[in-house]
Amino acid sequence: MANLDHEVWINAPVATVYQAISSAEGLSAWWAPHTATETDAGLVFAHHPGPEHGEVQMKVVELEPDRRVELEVVSTHPKSSPASAWTGTHLVFEISERENPGASRGVTDASPHLTVLDFRHSGWDESSEYLGFCNFAWGQVLMALQQWCESK
């Protein structure tokens, strides 16, 4: 199995980043409109990337405040959709903090610390035709997260 890995440095407080990734409202602010539904299996976030894809449903596996969010994709999708490769995969957002190198160089708008988001989309079939496309798309989506958090 393959993983898609991204590390994003965000010039915003840890709490801001956590709020953006741990609720339907937060995900809606920077990714796509999401809903949250309490099911027998637990809390599920969902969004609609388009009619040809169907609804992407992600069960919340773990919410550790200001540290970690893990989601499992529980929906299925047509083979023609990149979302078909997501079924059974896990999205893991791990948050930490580090010294901001810009602050030590005297950059005036730099906070003393950066939030580091380690993102991993795990469980991919290495032969998936959508692996490269989705890896690139995650880079773009995570840039939107960074921009949204830094604008707060």
C-alpha atoms as a PDB file:
ATOM      1  CA  MET A   1       0.000   0.000   0.000  1.00  0.00           C
ATOM      2  CA  ALA A   2       1.115   3.548  -0.699  1.00  0.00           C
ATOM      3  CA  ASN A   3       0.748   6.767   1.259  1.00  0.00           C
ATOM      4  CA  LEU A   4       0.382  10.326   0.064  1.00  0.00           C
ATOM      5  CA  ASP A   5       2.436  12.517   2.416  1.00  0.00           C
ATOM      6  CA  HIS A   6       2.536  16.299   2.715  1.00  0.00           C
ATOM      7  CA  GLU A   7       4.037  18.595   5.345  1.00  0.00           C
ATOM      8  CA  VAL A   8       2.622  22.107   5.492  1.00  0.00           C
ATOM      9  CA  TRP A   9       4.056  24.932   7.599  1.00  0.00           C
ATOM     10  CA  ILE A  10       1.279  27.298   8.631  1.00  0.00           C
ATOM     11  CA  ASN A  11       1.828  30.729  10.155  1.00  0.00           C
ATOM     12  CA  ALA A  12      -1.224  30.422  12.422  1.00  0.00           C
ATOM     13  CA  PRO A  13      -1.959  29.070  15.897  1.00  0.00           C
ATOM     14  CA  VAL A  14      -2.340  25.315  16.409  1.00  0.00           C
ATOM     15  CA  ALA A  15      -5.943  25.837  17.573  1.00  0.00           C
ATOM     16  CA  THR A  16      -6.852  27.574  14.293  1.00  0.00           C
ATOM     17  CA  VAL A  17      -5.511  24.679  12.242  1.00  0.00           C
ATOM     18  CA  TYR A  18      -7.245  22.095  14.435  1.00  0.00           C
ATOM     19  CA  GLN A  19     -10.583  23.909  14.140  1.00  0.00           C
ATOM     20  CA  ALA A  20     -10.200  23.934  10.348  1.00  0.00           C
ATOM     21  CA  ILE A  21      -9.752  20.140  10.107  1.00  0.00           C
ATOM     22  CA  SER A  22     -11.903  18.762  12.913  1.00  0.00           C
ATOM     23  CA  SER A  23     -15.457  19.772  11.982  1.00  0.00           C
ATOM     24  CA  ALA A  24     -17.737  20.000   8.965  1.00  0.00           C
ATOM     25  CA  GLU A  25     -17.851  23.772   9.413  1.00  0.00           C
ATOM     26  CA  GLY A  26     -14.047  23.984   9.449  1.00  0.00           C
ATOM     27  CA  LEU A  27     -13.607  21.704   6.422  1.00  0.00           C
ATOM     28  CA  SER A  28     -16.236  23.733   4.558  1.00  0.00           C
ATOM     29  CA  ALA A  29     -14.254  26.935   5.063  1.00  0.00           C
ATOM     30  CA  TRP A  30     -11.260  25.835   2.975  1.00  0.00           C
ATOM     31  CA  TRP A  31     -12.004  22.570   1.159  1.00  0.00           C
ATOM     32  CA  ALA A  32     -15.599  22.048   0.038  1.00  0.00           C
ATOM     33  CA  PRO A  33     -19.013  22.290   1.714  1.00  0.00           C
ATOM     34  CA  HIS A  34     -19.236  19.444   4.251  1.00  0.00           C
ATOM     35  CA  THR A  35     -21.983  18.018   6.419  1.00  0.00           C
ATOM     36  CA  ALA A  36     -21.693  16.132   9.698  1.00  0.00           C
ATOM     37  CA  THR A  37     -24.017  13.255  10.546  1.00  0.00           C
ATOM     38  CA  GLU A  38     -24.059  11.127  13.679  1.00  0.00           C
ATOM     39  CA  THR A  39     -24.521   7.473  12.605  1.00  0.00           C
ATOM     40  CA  ASP A  40     -24.498   4.123  14.417  1.00  0.00           C
ATOM     41  CA  ALA A  41     -20.830   3.855  13.375  1.00  0.00           C
ATOM     42  CA  GLY A  42     -20.015   7.341  14.715  1.00  0.00           C
ATOM     43  CA  LEU A  43     -19.614  10.831  13.311  1.00  0.00           C
ATOM     44  CA  VAL A  44     -19.353  11.038   9.503  1.00  0.00           C
ATOM     45  CA  PHE A  45     -18.266  14.073   7.480  1.00  0.00           C
ATOM     46  CA  ALA A  46     -19.415  14.179   3.848  1.00  0.00           C
ATOM     47  CA  HIS A  47     -19.037  16.338   0.767  1.00  0.00           C
ATOM     48  CA  HIS A  48     -20.169  16.195  -2.880  1.00  0.00           C
ATOM     49  CA  PRO A  49     -17.331  16.744  -5.386  1.00  0.00           C
ATOM     50  CA  GLY A  50     -19.844  16.422  -8.238  1.00  0.00           C
ATOM     51  CA  PRO A  51     -22.618  14.136  -9.509  1.00  0.00           C
ATOM     52  CA  GLU A  52     -20.170  11.911 -11.396  1.00  0.00           C
ATOM     53  CA  HIS A  53     -18.371  11.102  -8.126  1.00  0.00           C
ATOM     54  CA  GLY A  54     -21.158  10.613  -5.596  1.00  0.00           C
ATOM     55  CA  GLU A  55     -20.946  11.661  -1.952  1.00  0.00           C
ATOM     56  CA  VAL A  56     -17.573  11.198  -0.242  1.00  0.00           C
ATOM     57  CA  GLN A  57     -18.217   9.990   3.332  1.00  0.00           C
ATOM     58  CA  MET A  58     -15.448  10.023   5.926  1.00  0.00           C
ATOM     59  CA  LYS A  59     -15.995   8.443   9.331  1.00  0.00           C
ATOM     60  CA  VAL A  60     -14.220  10.171  12.197  1.00  0.00           C
ATOM     61  CA  VAL A  61     -11.783   7.663  13.709  1.00  0.00           C
ATOM     62  CA  GLU A  62     -10.013  10.040  16.090  1.00  0.00           C
ATOM     63  CA  LEU A  63     -10.220  13.662  17.224  1.00  0.00           C
ATOM     64  CA  GLU A  64      -7.400  14.579  19.597  1.00  0.00           C
ATOM     65  CA  PRO A  65      -7.752  18.323  20.275  1.00  0.00           C
ATOM     66  CA  ASP A  66      -4.934  20.433  18.810  1.00  0.00           C
ATOM     67  CA  ARG A  67      -2.942  17.287  17.903  1.00  0.00           C
ATOM     68  CA  ARG A  68      -4.576  14.798  15.526  1.00  0.00           C
ATOM     69  CA  VAL A  69      -7.556  14.080  13.290  1.00  0.00           C
ATOM     70  CA  GLU A  70      -8.057  10.738  11.557  1.00  0.00           C
ATOM     71  CA  LEU A  71     -10.818   9.998   9.061  1.00  0.00           C
ATOM     72  CA  GLU A  72     -11.652   6.763   7.232  1.00  0.00           C
ATOM     73  CA  VAL A  73     -13.319   6.940   3.815  1.00  0.00           C
ATOM     74  CA  VAL A  74     -16.363   4.666   4.040  1.00  0.00           C
ATOM     75  CA  SER A  75     -18.203   5.524   0.807  1.00  0.00           C
ATOM     76  CA  THR A  76     -17.898   3.797  -2.569  1.00  0.00           C
ATOM     77  CA  HIS A  77     -17.734   5.523  -5.960  1.00  0.00           C
ATOM     78  CA  PRO A  78     -17.880   4.754  -9.684  1.00  0.00           C
ATOM     79  CA  LYS A  79     -14.585   3.392 -11.085  1.00  0.00           C
ATOM     80  CA  SER A  80     -14.414   6.425 -13.410  1.00  0.00           C
ATOM     81  CA  SER A  81     -14.076   8.722 -10.382  1.00  0.00           C
ATOM     82  CA  PRO A  82     -10.789   9.415  -8.581  1.00  0.00           C
ATOM     83  CA  ALA A  83     -12.847   9.055  -5.373  1.00  0.00           C
ATOM     84  CA  SER A  84     -13.123   5.313  -6.148  1.00  0.00           C
ATOM     85  CA  ALA A  85      -9.509   4.961  -5.003  1.00  0.00           C
ATOM     86  CA  TRP A  86     -10.348   6.527  -1.621  1.00  0.00           C
ATOM     87  CA  THR A  87     -12.635   3.783  -0.305  1.00  0.00           C
ATOM     88  CA  GLY A  88     -11.066   2.239   2.805  1.00  0.00           C
ATOM     89  CA  THR A  89      -8.218   4.771   2.938  1.00  0.00           C
ATOM     90  CA  HIS A  90      -7.406   6.971   5.933  1.00  0.00           C
ATOM     91  CA  LEU A  91      -6.780  10.713   6.087  1.00  0.00           C
ATOM     92  CA  VAL A  92      -4.509  11.594   9.007  1.00  0.00           C
ATOM     93  CA  PHE A  93      -3.767  15.176  10.033  1.00  0.00           C
ATOM     94  CA  GLU A  94      -1.094  15.472  12.750  1.00  0.00           C
ATOM     95  CA  ILE A  95      -0.348  18.884  14.228  1.00  0.00           C
ATOM     96  CA  SER A  96       2.795  20.075  15.974  1.00  0.00           C
ATOM     97  CA  GLU A  97       4.566  23.352  16.528  1.00  0.00           C
ATOM     98  CA  ARG A  98       8.071  24.520  15.659  1.00  0.00           C
ATOM     99  CA  GLU A  99      10.126  27.659  15.900  1.00  0.00           C
ATOM    100  CA  ASN A 100       9.516  30.002  12.989  1.00  0.00           C
ATOM    101  CA  PRO A 101      12.806  30.520  11.114  1.00  0.00           C
ATOM    102  CA  GLY A 102      11.465  33.831   9.762  1.00  0.00           C
ATOM    103  CA  ALA A 103      10.982  35.204  13.265  1.00  0.00           C
ATOM    104  CA  SER A 104      14.609  34.546  14.161  1.00  0.00           C
ATOM    105  CA  ARG A 105      15.690  36.455  11.027  1.00  0.00           C
ATOM    106  CA  GLY A 106      13.679  39.527  12.048  1.00  0.00           C
ATOM    107  CA  VAL A 107      10.759  39.142   9.622  1.00  0.00           C
ATOM    108  CA  THR A 108       8.272  41.576  11.143  1.00  0.00           C
ATOM    109  CA  ASP A 109       5.015  39.756  10.306  1.00  0.00           C
ATOM    110  CA  ALA A 110       6.289  36.346  11.418  1.00  0.00           C
ATOM    111  CA  SER A 111       4.955  34.827  14.609  1.00  0.00           C
ATOM    112  CA  PRO A 112       7.532  33.129  16.867  1.00  0.00           C
ATOM    113  CA  HIS A 113       6.115  29.682  16.089  1.00  0.00           C
ATOM    114  CA  LEU A 114       4.701  27.846  13.087  1.00  0.00           C
ATOM    115  CA  THR A 115       2.120  25.119  13.114  1.00  0.00           C
ATOM    116  CA  VAL A 116       3.348  22.057  11.248  1.00  0.00           C
ATOM    117  CA  LEU A 117       0.665  19.914   9.673  1.00  0.00           C
ATOM    118  CA  ASP A 118       1.796  16.420   8.715  1.00  0.00           C
ATOM    119  CA  PHE A 119      -0.847  15.056   6.377  1.00  0.00           C
ATOM    120  CA  ARG A 120      -0.979  11.429   5.294  1.00  0.00           C
ATOM    121  CA  HIS A 121      -3.561   9.782   3.042  1.00  0.00           C
ATOM    122  CA  SER A 122      -2.790   6.109   3.664  1.00  0.00           C
ATOM    123  CA  GLY A 123      -3.924   2.794   2.268  1.00  0.00           C
ATOM    124  CA  TRP A 124      -3.634   3.545  -1.436  1.00  0.00           C
ATOM    125  CA  ASP A 125      -3.310   0.784  -4.012  1.00  0.00           C
ATOM    126  CA  GLU A 126       0.133   1.511  -5.521  1.00  0.00           C
ATOM    127  CA  SER A 127      -1.167   0.707  -8.999  1.00  0.00           C
ATOM    128  CA  SER A 128      -4.105   3.143  -8.780  1.00  0.00           C
ATOM    129  CA  GLU A 129      -4.426   5.268 -11.886  1.00  0.00           C
ATOM    130  CA  TYR A 130      -5.491   8.150  -9.611  1.00  0.00           C
ATOM    131  CA  LEU A 131      -2.504   8.119  -7.221  1.00  0.00           C
ATOM    132  CA  GLY A 132      -0.529  10.907  -8.904  1.00  0.00           C
ATOM    133  CA  PHE A 133      -3.563  13.037  -9.648  1.00  0.00           C
ATOM    134  CA  CYS A 134      -4.849  12.839  -6.070  1.00  0.00           C
ATOM    135  CA  ASN A 135      -1.390  13.526  -4.634  1.00  0.00           C
ATOM    136  CA  PHE A 136      -1.179  16.713  -6.717  1.00  0.00           C
ATOM    137  CA  ALA A 137      -4.761  17.656  -5.794  1.00  0.00           C
ATOM    138  CA  TRP A 138      -3.990  17.222  -2.080  1.00  0.00           C
ATOM    139  CA  GLY A 139      -1.076  19.632  -2.468  1.00  0.00           C
ATOM    140  CA  GLN A 140      -3.457  22.232  -3.876  1.00  0.00           C
ATOM    141  CA  VAL A 141      -6.143  21.604  -1.264  1.00  0.00           C
ATOM    142  CA  LEU A 142      -3.638  21.822   1.582  1.00  0.00           C
ATOM    143  CA  MET A 143      -2.396  25.154   0.190  1.00  0.00           C
ATOM    144  CA  ALA A 144      -5.990  26.372   0.473  1.00  0.00           C
ATOM    145  CA  LEU A 145      -5.981  25.231   4.120  1.00  0.00           C
ATOM    146  CA  GLN A 146      -2.735  27.106   4.752  1.00  0.00           C
ATOM    147  CA  GLN A 147      -4.042  30.288   3.117  1.00  0.00           C
ATOM    148  CA  TRP A 148      -7.335  30.124   5.015  1.00  0.00           C
ATOM    149  CA  CYS A 149      -5.650  29.590   8.404  1.00  0.00           C
ATOM    150  CA  GLU A 150      -3.129  32.362   7.787  1.00  0.00           C
ATOM    151  CA  SER A 151      -5.896  34.807   6.845  1.00  0.00           C
ATOM    152  CA  LYS A 152      -7.617  34.414  10.236  1.00  0.00           C
END
